[in-house]
Amino acid sequence: MPRRRESRIPRRDRSCIVRAFFADFGPLRKDIPNRRPLFRSERLTGGLRAPGAAGPGGLLPARPRLSLPPITRSGDRMLIFLDQRLVFLATPKAGSTAVEVALESLASLAIERPPALKHTSAAAFERHIRPWLEAAAPGEPFTTVALMREPIDWLRSWYRFRQQDDLDDPDHPLAGMPFHDFATDCIAVEPPDHARIGRQAEFLTGGGARAARIFRYEEMDRFTHFLEQRLDCAVSLPRVNVPPRRDTSVTPELEARLREALAVDVALYASL
């Protein structure tokens, strides 16, 4: 029988983490009661059968391979690995859903909803969640890790996502909108609602905090190697939530404007 691996954080303390986080987010507190659990403990198997192997001899007790076929998920989660003292921060539109699909079963805690909590920034984690985690599960400090996408390509990802998501919106604010207009809206002083996407640098380094390890989305091999070393298992990230192709080309003039407006993100990405 597979050995059940329970979280070392008591259920009462887990709810305290949530309440502390929402102390500064009053309008969202109504989302806490009577909803699906924010934290889920997962089962860990003692091993996976080797391909073609049968019986007990085919069990692999160490370094199982995690590989899943393409799948569609509705959202991504912040993942916390207590034994490995690792926290994955889910940067929006930077491949975090694929990480969740591959690794959620190994995580001690998977923070699912509401969106403000599952997409906890580095600063919010340091302010609200790290103190509870390290008090409830003493040990080495937790290492935060996250992905960052090339800034203009990140806008492209948001555009494709919003175009697809817009199909369910009766008002269709992005209907027929070219990428040029969407990108211009995103860097406006007061962006319209459909272009309020924030900045990756603010998520990863804002508020006087910084994720300890930040990897480029475009260099996924380096990131998966880091995960394999920390989690002691082979990691294969699936392709998930792949939107339809759309024209996201930009003129040289617009690219220059975008890089100027996203200068902080561009500088952070160049430093990785």
C-alpha atoms as a PDB file:
ATOM      1  CA  MET A   1       0.000   0.000   0.000  1.00  0.00           C
ATOM      2  CA  PRO A   2       1.310   3.493  -0.782  1.00  0.00           C
ATOM      3  CA  ARG A   3       2.490   5.391   2.250  1.00  0.00           C
ATOM      4  CA  ARG A   4       0.362   8.438   3.016  1.00  0.00           C
ATOM      5  CA  ARG A   5       2.439  11.537   3.496  1.00  0.00           C
ATOM      6  CA  GLU A   6       0.645  14.119   5.603  1.00  0.00           C
ATOM      7  CA  SER A   7       1.468  17.781   5.914  1.00  0.00           C
ATOM      8  CA  ARG A   8       3.331  18.647   9.121  1.00  0.00           C
ATOM      9  CA  ILE A   9       1.298  21.847   9.413  1.00  0.00           C
ATOM     10  CA  PRO A  10      -1.820  21.241  11.565  1.00  0.00           C
ATOM     11  CA  ARG A  11      -5.117  22.021   9.824  1.00  0.00           C
ATOM     12  CA  ARG A  12      -5.830  24.810  12.313  1.00  0.00           C
ATOM     13  CA  ASP A  13      -2.496  26.501  11.546  1.00  0.00           C
ATOM     14  CA  ARG A  14      -3.124  26.251   7.798  1.00  0.00           C
ATOM     15  CA  SER A  15      -6.319  28.266   8.148  1.00  0.00           C
ATOM     16  CA  CYS A  16      -4.380  30.825  10.178  1.00  0.00           C
ATOM     17  CA  ILE A  17      -2.012  31.269   7.244  1.00  0.00           C
ATOM     18  CA  VAL A  18      -4.948  32.106   5.004  1.00  0.00           C
ATOM     19  CA  ARG A  19      -6.477  34.539   7.489  1.00  0.00           C
ATOM     20  CA  ALA A  20      -3.158  36.328   7.985  1.00  0.00           C
ATOM     21  CA  PHE A  21      -2.641  36.701   4.257  1.00  0.00           C
ATOM     22  CA  PHE A  22      -6.059  38.261   3.790  1.00  0.00           C
ATOM     23  CA  ALA A  23      -5.652  40.775   6.603  1.00  0.00           C
ATOM     24  CA  ASP A  24      -4.700  43.355   3.961  1.00  0.00           C
ATOM     25  CA  PHE A  25      -7.235  42.145   1.379  1.00  0.00           C
ATOM     26  CA  GLY A  26     -10.593  42.870   3.019  1.00  0.00           C
ATOM     27  CA  PRO A  27     -12.729  42.694  -0.166  1.00  0.00           C
ATOM     28  CA  LEU A  28     -11.487  39.166  -0.843  1.00  0.00           C
ATOM     29  CA  ARG A  29     -12.194  37.739   2.603  1.00  0.00           C
ATOM     30  CA  LYS A  30     -15.699  36.765   1.573  1.00  0.00           C
ATOM     31  CA  ASP A  31     -14.096  34.125  -0.653  1.00  0.00           C
ATOM     32  CA  ILE A  32     -12.677  32.196   2.286  1.00  0.00           C
ATOM     33  CA  PRO A  33     -15.686  30.438   3.944  1.00  0.00           C
ATOM     34  CA  ASN A  34     -17.566  27.539   2.378  1.00  0.00           C
ATOM     35  CA  ARG A  35     -15.276  27.150  -0.592  1.00  0.00           C
ATOM     36  CA  ARG A  36     -13.069  24.319  -1.781  1.00  0.00           C
ATOM     37  CA  PRO A  37      -9.990  23.824   0.443  1.00  0.00           C
ATOM     38  CA  LEU A  38      -7.101  26.138  -0.258  1.00  0.00           C
ATOM     39  CA  PHE A  39      -4.573  23.521   0.787  1.00  0.00           C
ATOM     40  CA  ARG A  40      -4.540  19.893  -0.237  1.00  0.00           C
ATOM     41  CA  SER A  41      -2.309  17.115   1.095  1.00  0.00           C
ATOM     42  CA  GLU A  42      -1.442  14.627  -1.611  1.00  0.00           C
ATOM     43  CA  ARG A  43      -0.541  10.947  -1.538  1.00  0.00           C
ATOM     44  CA  LEU A  44       2.988   9.939  -2.460  1.00  0.00           C
ATOM     45  CA  THR A  45       3.598   6.500  -3.899  1.00  0.00           C
ATOM     46  CA  GLY A  46       6.552   4.480  -2.735  1.00  0.00           C
ATOM     47  CA  GLY A  47       7.688   4.090  -6.332  1.00  0.00           C
ATOM     48  CA  LEU A  48       6.602   3.775  -9.940  1.00  0.00           C
ATOM     49  CA  ARG A  49       6.713   0.637 -12.064  1.00  0.00           C
ATOM     50  CA  ALA A  50       9.480   0.550 -14.606  1.00  0.00           C
ATOM     51  CA  PRO A  51       8.275   0.304 -18.212  1.00  0.00           C
ATOM     52  CA  GLY A  52       7.561  -3.333 -19.030  1.00  0.00           C
ATOM     53  CA  ALA A  53       8.264  -4.493 -15.473  1.00  0.00           C
ATOM     54  CA  ALA A  54       5.813  -6.643 -13.524  1.00  0.00           C
ATOM     55  CA  GLY A  55       5.484  -7.499  -9.878  1.00  0.00           C
ATOM     56  CA  PRO A  56       7.321  -6.042  -6.854  1.00  0.00           C
ATOM     57  CA  GLY A  57      10.651  -6.157  -8.672  1.00  0.00           C
ATOM     58  CA  GLY A  58       9.419  -3.513 -11.075  1.00  0.00           C
ATOM     59  CA  LEU A  59       9.068  -0.854  -8.393  1.00  0.00           C
ATOM     60  CA  LEU A  60      11.460   2.084  -8.517  1.00  0.00           C
ATOM     61  CA  PRO A  61      11.820   3.461  -4.965  1.00  0.00           C
ATOM     62  CA  ALA A  62      13.764   6.555  -5.980  1.00  0.00           C
ATOM     63  CA  ARG A  63      13.783   9.235  -8.690  1.00  0.00           C
ATOM     64  CA  PRO A  64      10.408   8.436 -10.298  1.00  0.00           C
ATOM     65  CA  ARG A  65       9.756  10.052 -13.685  1.00  0.00           C
ATOM     66  CA  LEU A  66       6.859  12.482 -13.739  1.00  0.00           C
ATOM     67  CA  SER A  67       5.489  12.828 -17.253  1.00  0.00           C
ATOM     68  CA  LEU A  68       1.952  13.685 -18.289  1.00  0.00           C
ATOM     69  CA  PRO A  69       0.305  14.095 -21.686  1.00  0.00           C
ATOM     70  CA  PRO A  70      -1.094  17.460 -22.797  1.00  0.00           C
ATOM     71  CA  ILE A  71      -3.999  18.456 -20.597  1.00  0.00           C
ATOM     72  CA  THR A  72      -6.166  21.506 -20.001  1.00  0.00           C
ATOM     73  CA  ARG A  73      -6.249  23.032 -16.529  1.00  0.00           C
ATOM     74  CA  SER A  74      -8.275  25.965 -15.297  1.00  0.00           C
ATOM     75  CA  GLY A  75      -5.537  27.543 -13.232  1.00  0.00           C
ATOM     76  CA  ASP A  76      -2.194  27.206 -11.489  1.00  0.00           C
ATOM     77  CA  ARG A  77      -1.182  27.068  -7.854  1.00  0.00           C
ATOM     78  CA  MET A  78       1.592  28.057  -5.530  1.00  0.00           C
ATOM     79  CA  LEU A  79       3.277  24.816  -4.463  1.00  0.00           C
ATOM     80  CA  ILE A  80       4.994  24.279  -1.111  1.00  0.00           C
ATOM     81  CA  PHE A  81       7.379  21.350  -0.522  1.00  0.00           C
ATOM     82  CA  LEU A  82       7.944  21.073   3.223  1.00  0.00           C
ATOM     83  CA  ASP A  83      10.623  18.361   3.300  1.00  0.00           C
ATOM     84  CA  GLN A  84      12.652  20.039   0.541  1.00  0.00           C
ATOM     85  CA  ARG A  85      12.042  23.525   2.016  1.00  0.00           C
ATOM     86  CA  LEU A  86      11.016  24.827  -1.396  1.00  0.00           C
ATOM     87  CA  VAL A  87       8.202  27.163  -2.500  1.00  0.00           C
ATOM     88  CA  PHE A  88       7.206  27.636  -6.130  1.00  0.00           C
ATOM     89  CA  LEU A  89       5.683  31.072  -6.755  1.00  0.00           C
ATOM     90  CA  ALA A  90       3.277  30.993  -9.703  1.00  0.00           C
ATOM     91  CA  THR A  91       4.137  33.977 -11.900  1.00  0.00           C
ATOM     92  CA  PRO A  92       1.021  34.613 -14.046  1.00  0.00           C
ATOM     93  CA  LYS A  93       1.361  33.578 -17.704  1.00  0.00           C
ATOM     94  CA  ALA A  94       4.860  32.165 -17.245  1.00  0.00           C
ATOM     95  CA  GLY A  95       4.381  28.412 -17.440  1.00  0.00           C
ATOM     96  CA  SER A  96       3.252  27.855 -13.865  1.00  0.00           C
ATOM     97  CA  THR A  97       0.312  25.623 -14.884  1.00  0.00           C
ATOM     98  CA  ALA A  98       2.697  23.097 -16.424  1.00  0.00           C
ATOM     99  CA  VAL A  99       4.735  23.041 -13.217  1.00  0.00           C
ATOM    100  CA  GLU A 100       1.596  22.453 -11.183  1.00  0.00           C
ATOM    101  CA  VAL A 101       0.433  19.584 -13.402  1.00  0.00           C
ATOM    102  CA  ALA A 102       3.810  17.850 -13.130  1.00  0.00           C
ATOM    103  CA  LEU A 103       4.571  18.436  -9.450  1.00  0.00           C
ATOM    104  CA  GLU A 104       1.354  18.965  -7.501  1.00  0.00           C
ATOM    105  CA  SER A 105       1.265  15.334  -6.362  1.00  0.00           C
ATOM    106  CA  LEU A 106       4.660  15.805  -4.686  1.00  0.00           C
ATOM    107  CA  ALA A 107       3.776  19.087  -2.971  1.00  0.00           C
ATOM    108  CA  SER A 108       2.842  19.159   0.701  1.00  0.00           C
ATOM    109  CA  LEU A 109       0.558  22.142   0.092  1.00  0.00           C
ATOM    110  CA  ALA A 110      -1.061  23.338  -3.128  1.00  0.00           C
ATOM    111  CA  ILE A 111      -2.711  26.744  -2.810  1.00  0.00           C
ATOM    112  CA  GLU A 112      -5.523  26.817  -5.314  1.00  0.00           C
ATOM    113  CA  ARG A 113      -7.901  29.691  -4.726  1.00  0.00           C
ATOM    114  CA  PRO A 114      -8.728  32.539  -4.709  1.00  0.00           C
ATOM    115  CA  PRO A 115      -6.469  33.896  -7.478  1.00  0.00           C
ATOM    116  CA  ALA A 116      -4.903  36.532  -5.221  1.00  0.00           C
ATOM    117  CA  LEU A 117      -3.596  33.763  -2.965  1.00  0.00           C
ATOM    118  CA  LYS A 118      -2.500  31.201  -5.538  1.00  0.00           C
ATOM    119  CA  HIS A 119      -0.559  33.948  -7.370  1.00  0.00           C
ATOM    120  CA  THR A 120       1.161  35.106  -4.186  1.00  0.00           C
ATOM    121  CA  SER A 121       3.991  37.513  -4.976  1.00  0.00           C
ATOM    122  CA  ALA A 122       7.430  37.295  -3.395  1.00  0.00           C
ATOM    123  CA  ALA A 123       6.624  40.226  -1.097  1.00  0.00           C
ATOM    124  CA  ALA A 124       3.276  38.780   0.015  1.00  0.00           C
ATOM    125  CA  PHE A 125       4.908  35.432   0.708  1.00  0.00           C
ATOM    126  CA  GLU A 126       7.610  37.007   2.868  1.00  0.00           C
ATOM    127  CA  ARG A 127       5.090  39.161   4.727  1.00  0.00           C
ATOM    128  CA  HIS A 128       2.271  36.712   5.339  1.00  0.00           C
ATOM    129  CA  ILE A 129       3.116  33.084   4.600  1.00  0.00           C
ATOM    130  CA  ARG A 130       6.787  32.494   5.411  1.00  0.00           C
ATOM    131  CA  PRO A 131       6.403  33.358   9.135  1.00  0.00           C
ATOM    132  CA  TRP A 132       3.592  30.813   9.546  1.00  0.00           C
ATOM    133  CA  LEU A 133       5.357  28.120   7.566  1.00  0.00           C
ATOM    134  CA  GLU A 134       8.621  28.409   9.418  1.00  0.00           C
ATOM    135  CA  ALA A 135       6.884  28.569  12.813  1.00  0.00           C
ATOM    136  CA  ALA A 136       4.712  25.528  12.075  1.00  0.00           C
ATOM    137  CA  ALA A 137       7.466  23.537  10.325  1.00  0.00           C
ATOM    138  CA  PRO A 138      10.803  24.585  11.864  1.00  0.00           C
ATOM    139  CA  GLY A 139      13.979  23.890   9.935  1.00  0.00           C
ATOM    140  CA  GLU A 140      16.099  25.420   7.220  1.00  0.00           C
ATOM    141  CA  PRO A 141      14.666  28.589   5.611  1.00  0.00           C
ATOM    142  CA  PHE A 142      12.384  27.990   2.648  1.00  0.00           C
ATOM    143  CA  THR A 143      13.775  28.795  -0.801  1.00  0.00           C
ATOM    144  CA  THR A 144      11.406  30.584  -3.172  1.00  0.00           C
ATOM    145  CA  VAL A 145      11.667  29.831  -6.882  1.00  0.00           C
ATOM    146  CA  ALA A 146       9.781  31.278  -9.860  1.00  0.00           C
ATOM    147  CA  LEU A 147       9.792  31.635 -13.635  1.00  0.00           C
ATOM    148  CA  MET A 148       9.987  34.848 -15.659  1.00  0.00           C
ATOM    149  CA  ARG A 149       9.039  35.253 -19.308  1.00  0.00           C
ATOM    150  CA  GLU A 150      10.723  37.596 -21.798  1.00  0.00           C
ATOM    151  CA  PRO A 151       8.742  40.835 -21.201  1.00  0.00           C
ATOM    152  CA  ILE A 152       7.307  41.402 -24.679  1.00  0.00           C
ATOM    153  CA  ASP A 153       6.587  37.698 -25.125  1.00  0.00           C
ATOM    154  CA  TRP A 154       4.811  37.881 -21.755  1.00  0.00           C
ATOM    155  CA  LEU A 155       2.478  40.500 -23.245  1.00  0.00           C
ATOM    156  CA  ARG A 156       1.886  38.161 -26.185  1.00  0.00           C
ATOM    157  CA  SER A 157       0.937  35.374 -23.793  1.00  0.00           C
ATOM    158  CA  TRP A 158      -1.518  37.639 -21.991  1.00  0.00           C
ATOM    159  CA  TYR A 159      -3.019  38.739 -25.317  1.00  0.00           C
ATOM    160  CA  ARG A 160      -3.611  35.146 -26.461  1.00  0.00           C
ATOM    161  CA  PHE A 161      -5.044  34.231 -23.074  1.00  0.00           C
ATOM    162  CA  ARG A 162      -7.369  37.237 -22.952  1.00  0.00           C
ATOM    163  CA  GLN A 163      -8.509  36.657 -26.527  1.00  0.00           C
ATOM    164  CA  GLN A 164      -9.425  33.076 -25.673  1.00  0.00           C
ATOM    165  CA  ASP A 165     -10.940  33.996 -22.312  1.00  0.00           C
ATOM    166  CA  ASP A 166     -12.951  36.755 -23.999  1.00  0.00           C
ATOM    167  CA  LEU A 167     -15.092  34.157 -25.790  1.00  0.00           C
ATOM    168  CA  ASP A 168     -17.148  33.775 -22.595  1.00  0.00           C
ATOM    169  CA  ASP A 169     -17.594  37.539 -22.146  1.00  0.00           C
ATOM    170  CA  PRO A 170     -20.795  38.865 -23.748  1.00  0.00           C
ATOM    171  CA  ASP A 171     -19.263  42.337 -24.089  1.00  0.00           C
ATOM    172  CA  HIS A 172     -16.204  41.018 -25.975  1.00  0.00           C
ATOM    173  CA  PRO A 173     -13.889  43.943 -25.138  1.00  0.00           C
ATOM    174  CA  LEU A 174     -11.039  42.317 -27.108  1.00  0.00           C
ATOM    175  CA  ALA A 175     -13.143  41.278 -30.113  1.00  0.00           C
ATOM    176  CA  GLY A 176     -11.201  42.237 -33.224  1.00  0.00           C
ATOM    177  CA  MET A 177      -8.505  44.036 -31.205  1.00  0.00           C
ATOM    178  CA  PRO A 178      -5.021  43.604 -32.720  1.00  0.00           C
ATOM    179  CA  PHE A 179      -2.015  42.910 -30.521  1.00  0.00           C
ATOM    180  CA  HIS A 180      -0.645  46.389 -31.263  1.00  0.00           C
ATOM    181  CA  ASP A 181      -3.622  47.993 -29.492  1.00  0.00           C
ATOM    182  CA  PHE A 182      -3.582  45.549 -26.584  1.00  0.00           C
ATOM    183  CA  ALA A 183       0.125  46.087 -25.956  1.00  0.00           C
ATOM    184  CA  THR A 184      -0.333  49.850 -26.139  1.00  0.00           C
ATOM    185  CA  ASP A 185      -3.144  49.623 -23.581  1.00  0.00           C
ATOM    186  CA  CYS A 186      -0.920  47.559 -21.253  1.00  0.00           C
ATOM    187  CA  ILE A 187       1.692  50.310 -21.006  1.00  0.00           C
ATOM    188  CA  ALA A 188      -0.789  53.159 -20.639  1.00  0.00           C
ATOM    189  CA  VAL A 189      -0.623  55.287 -17.488  1.00  0.00           C
ATOM    190  CA  GLU A 190      -4.158  54.155 -16.640  1.00  0.00           C
ATOM    191  CA  PRO A 191      -4.679  50.815 -18.428  1.00  0.00           C
ATOM    192  CA  PRO A 192      -8.248  49.749 -19.203  1.00  0.00           C
ATOM    193  CA  ASP A 193      -9.546  46.716 -17.348  1.00  0.00           C
ATOM    194  CA  HIS A 194      -8.592  44.232 -20.055  1.00  0.00           C
ATOM    195  CA  ALA A 195      -4.971  45.442 -19.927  1.00  0.00           C
ATOM    196  CA  ARG A 196      -4.441  45.505 -16.155  1.00  0.00           C
ATOM    197  CA  ILE A 197      -1.821  42.764 -15.953  1.00  0.00           C
ATOM    198  CA  GLY A 198       0.763  44.287 -13.619  1.00  0.00           C
ATOM    199  CA  ARG A 199       4.474  43.669 -14.088  1.00  0.00           C
ATOM    200  CA  GLN A 200       6.608  40.581 -13.594  1.00  0.00           C
ATOM    201  CA  ALA A 201       9.316  42.553 -11.786  1.00  0.00           C
ATOM    202  CA  GLU A 202       6.763  43.765  -9.245  1.00  0.00           C
ATOM    203  CA  PHE A 203       5.583  40.184  -8.661  1.00  0.00           C
ATOM    204  CA  LEU A 204       9.106  38.791  -8.302  1.00  0.00           C
ATOM    205  CA  THR A 205      11.028  41.638  -6.652  1.00  0.00           C
ATOM    206  CA  GLY A 206       8.541  44.248  -5.442  1.00  0.00           C
ATOM    207  CA  GLY A 207       7.948  45.415  -1.897  1.00  0.00           C
ATOM    208  CA  GLY A 208      11.541  44.997  -0.795  1.00  0.00           C
ATOM    209  CA  ALA A 209      11.489  41.216  -1.352  1.00  0.00           C
ATOM    210  CA  ARG A 210      12.836  39.021  -4.128  1.00  0.00           C
ATOM    211  CA  ALA A 211      12.315  35.408  -5.101  1.00  0.00           C
ATOM    212  CA  ALA A 212      15.527  33.580  -4.206  1.00  0.00           C
ATOM    213  CA  ARG A 213      15.798  31.789  -7.550  1.00  0.00           C
ATOM    214  CA  ILE A 214      14.312  33.139 -10.789  1.00  0.00           C
ATOM    215  CA  PHE A 215      14.652  31.210 -14.032  1.00  0.00           C
ATOM    216  CA  ARG A 216      13.884  32.288 -17.571  1.00  0.00           C
ATOM    217  CA  TYR A 217      10.814  30.600 -19.011  1.00  0.00           C
ATOM    218  CA  GLU A 218      12.712  30.319 -22.297  1.00  0.00           C
ATOM    219  CA  GLU A 219      15.472  28.307 -20.559  1.00  0.00           C
ATOM    220  CA  MET A 220      13.266  25.609 -19.076  1.00  0.00           C
ATOM    221  CA  ASP A 221      16.075  23.030 -19.018  1.00  0.00           C
ATOM    222  CA  ARG A 222      17.910  25.016 -16.326  1.00  0.00           C
ATOM    223  CA  PHE A 223      14.741  25.243 -14.268  1.00  0.00           C
ATOM    224  CA  THR A 224      13.893  21.542 -14.525  1.00  0.00           C
ATOM    225  CA  HIS A 225      17.488  20.651 -13.615  1.00  0.00           C
ATOM    226  CA  PHE A 226      17.156  22.764 -10.475  1.00  0.00           C
ATOM    227  CA  LEU A 227      13.876  21.018  -9.597  1.00  0.00           C
ATOM    228  CA  GLU A 228      15.364  17.582 -10.154  1.00  0.00           C
ATOM    229  CA  GLN A 229      18.222  18.374  -7.791  1.00  0.00           C
ATOM    230  CA  ARG A 230      15.946  19.745  -5.064  1.00  0.00           C
ATOM    231  CA  LEU A 231      13.110  17.212  -5.363  1.00  0.00           C
ATOM    232  CA  ASP A 232      15.261  14.194  -6.234  1.00  0.00           C
ATOM    233  CA  CYS A 233      13.083  13.068  -9.122  1.00  0.00           C
ATOM    234  CA  ALA A 234      13.173  13.368 -12.890  1.00  0.00           C
ATOM    235  CA  VAL A 235      10.840  16.143 -14.054  1.00  0.00           C
ATOM    236  CA  SER A 236       9.087  16.376 -17.409  1.00  0.00           C
ATOM    237  CA  LEU A 237       6.826  19.393 -17.893  1.00  0.00           C
ATOM    238  CA  PRO A 238       3.784  18.855 -20.146  1.00  0.00           C
ATOM    239  CA  ARG A 239       2.297  21.344 -22.615  1.00  0.00           C
ATOM    240  CA  VAL A 240      -0.929  22.677 -21.142  1.00  0.00           C
ATOM    241  CA  ASN A 241      -3.423  25.456 -21.884  1.00  0.00           C
ATOM    242  CA  VAL A 242      -1.875  26.173 -25.272  1.00  0.00           C
ATOM    243  CA  PRO A 243      -3.984  28.951 -26.893  1.00  0.00           C
ATOM    244  CA  PRO A 244      -4.561  29.270 -30.644  1.00  0.00           C
ATOM    245  CA  ARG A 245      -1.932  31.094 -32.670  1.00  0.00           C
ATOM    246  CA  ARG A 246      -2.588  34.777 -33.302  1.00  0.00           C
ATOM    247  CA  ASP A 247      -0.731  37.577 -35.005  1.00  0.00           C
ATOM    248  CA  THR A 248       1.390  39.196 -32.307  1.00  0.00           C
ATOM    249  CA  SER A 249       3.986  40.910 -34.466  1.00  0.00           C
ATOM    250  CA  VAL A 250       5.131  44.419 -33.537  1.00  0.00           C
ATOM    251  CA  THR A 251       6.704  47.246 -35.468  1.00  0.00           C
ATOM    252  CA  PRO A 252      10.205  48.403 -34.485  1.00  0.00           C
ATOM    253  CA  GLU A 253       8.677  51.620 -33.155  1.00  0.00           C
ATOM    254  CA  LEU A 254       6.227  49.787 -30.891  1.00  0.00           C
ATOM    255  CA  GLU A 255       8.935  47.384 -29.682  1.00  0.00           C
ATOM    256  CA  ALA A 256      11.066  50.345 -28.643  1.00  0.00           C
ATOM    257  CA  ARG A 257       8.122  51.881 -26.748  1.00  0.00           C
ATOM    258  CA  LEU A 258       7.378  48.585 -25.016  1.00  0.00           C
ATOM    259  CA  ARG A 259      10.968  48.067 -23.919  1.00  0.00           C
ATOM    260  CA  GLU A 260      11.091  51.595 -22.551  1.00  0.00           C
ATOM    261  CA  ALA A 261       7.830  51.159 -20.638  1.00  0.00           C
ATOM    262  CA  LEU A 262       8.887  47.710 -19.368  1.00  0.00           C
ATOM    263  CA  ALA A 263      12.436  48.806 -18.565  1.00  0.00           C
ATOM    264  CA  VAL A 264      12.425  47.324 -15.059  1.00  0.00           C
ATOM    265  CA  ASP A 265      11.211  43.968 -16.348  1.00  0.00           C
ATOM    266  CA  VAL A 266      13.705  44.065 -19.230  1.00  0.00           C
ATOM    267  CA  ALA A 267      16.584  44.756 -16.820  1.00  0.00           C
ATOM    268  CA  LEU A 268      15.534  41.980 -14.447  1.00  0.00           C
ATOM    269  CA  TYR A 269      15.206  39.486 -17.298  1.00  0.00           C
ATOM    270  CA  ALA A 270      18.640  40.444 -18.657  1.00  0.00           C
ATOM    271  CA  SER A 271      20.182  39.811 -15.232  1.00  0.00           C
ATOM    272  CA  LEU A 272      18.976  36.218 -15.002  1.00  0.00           C
END
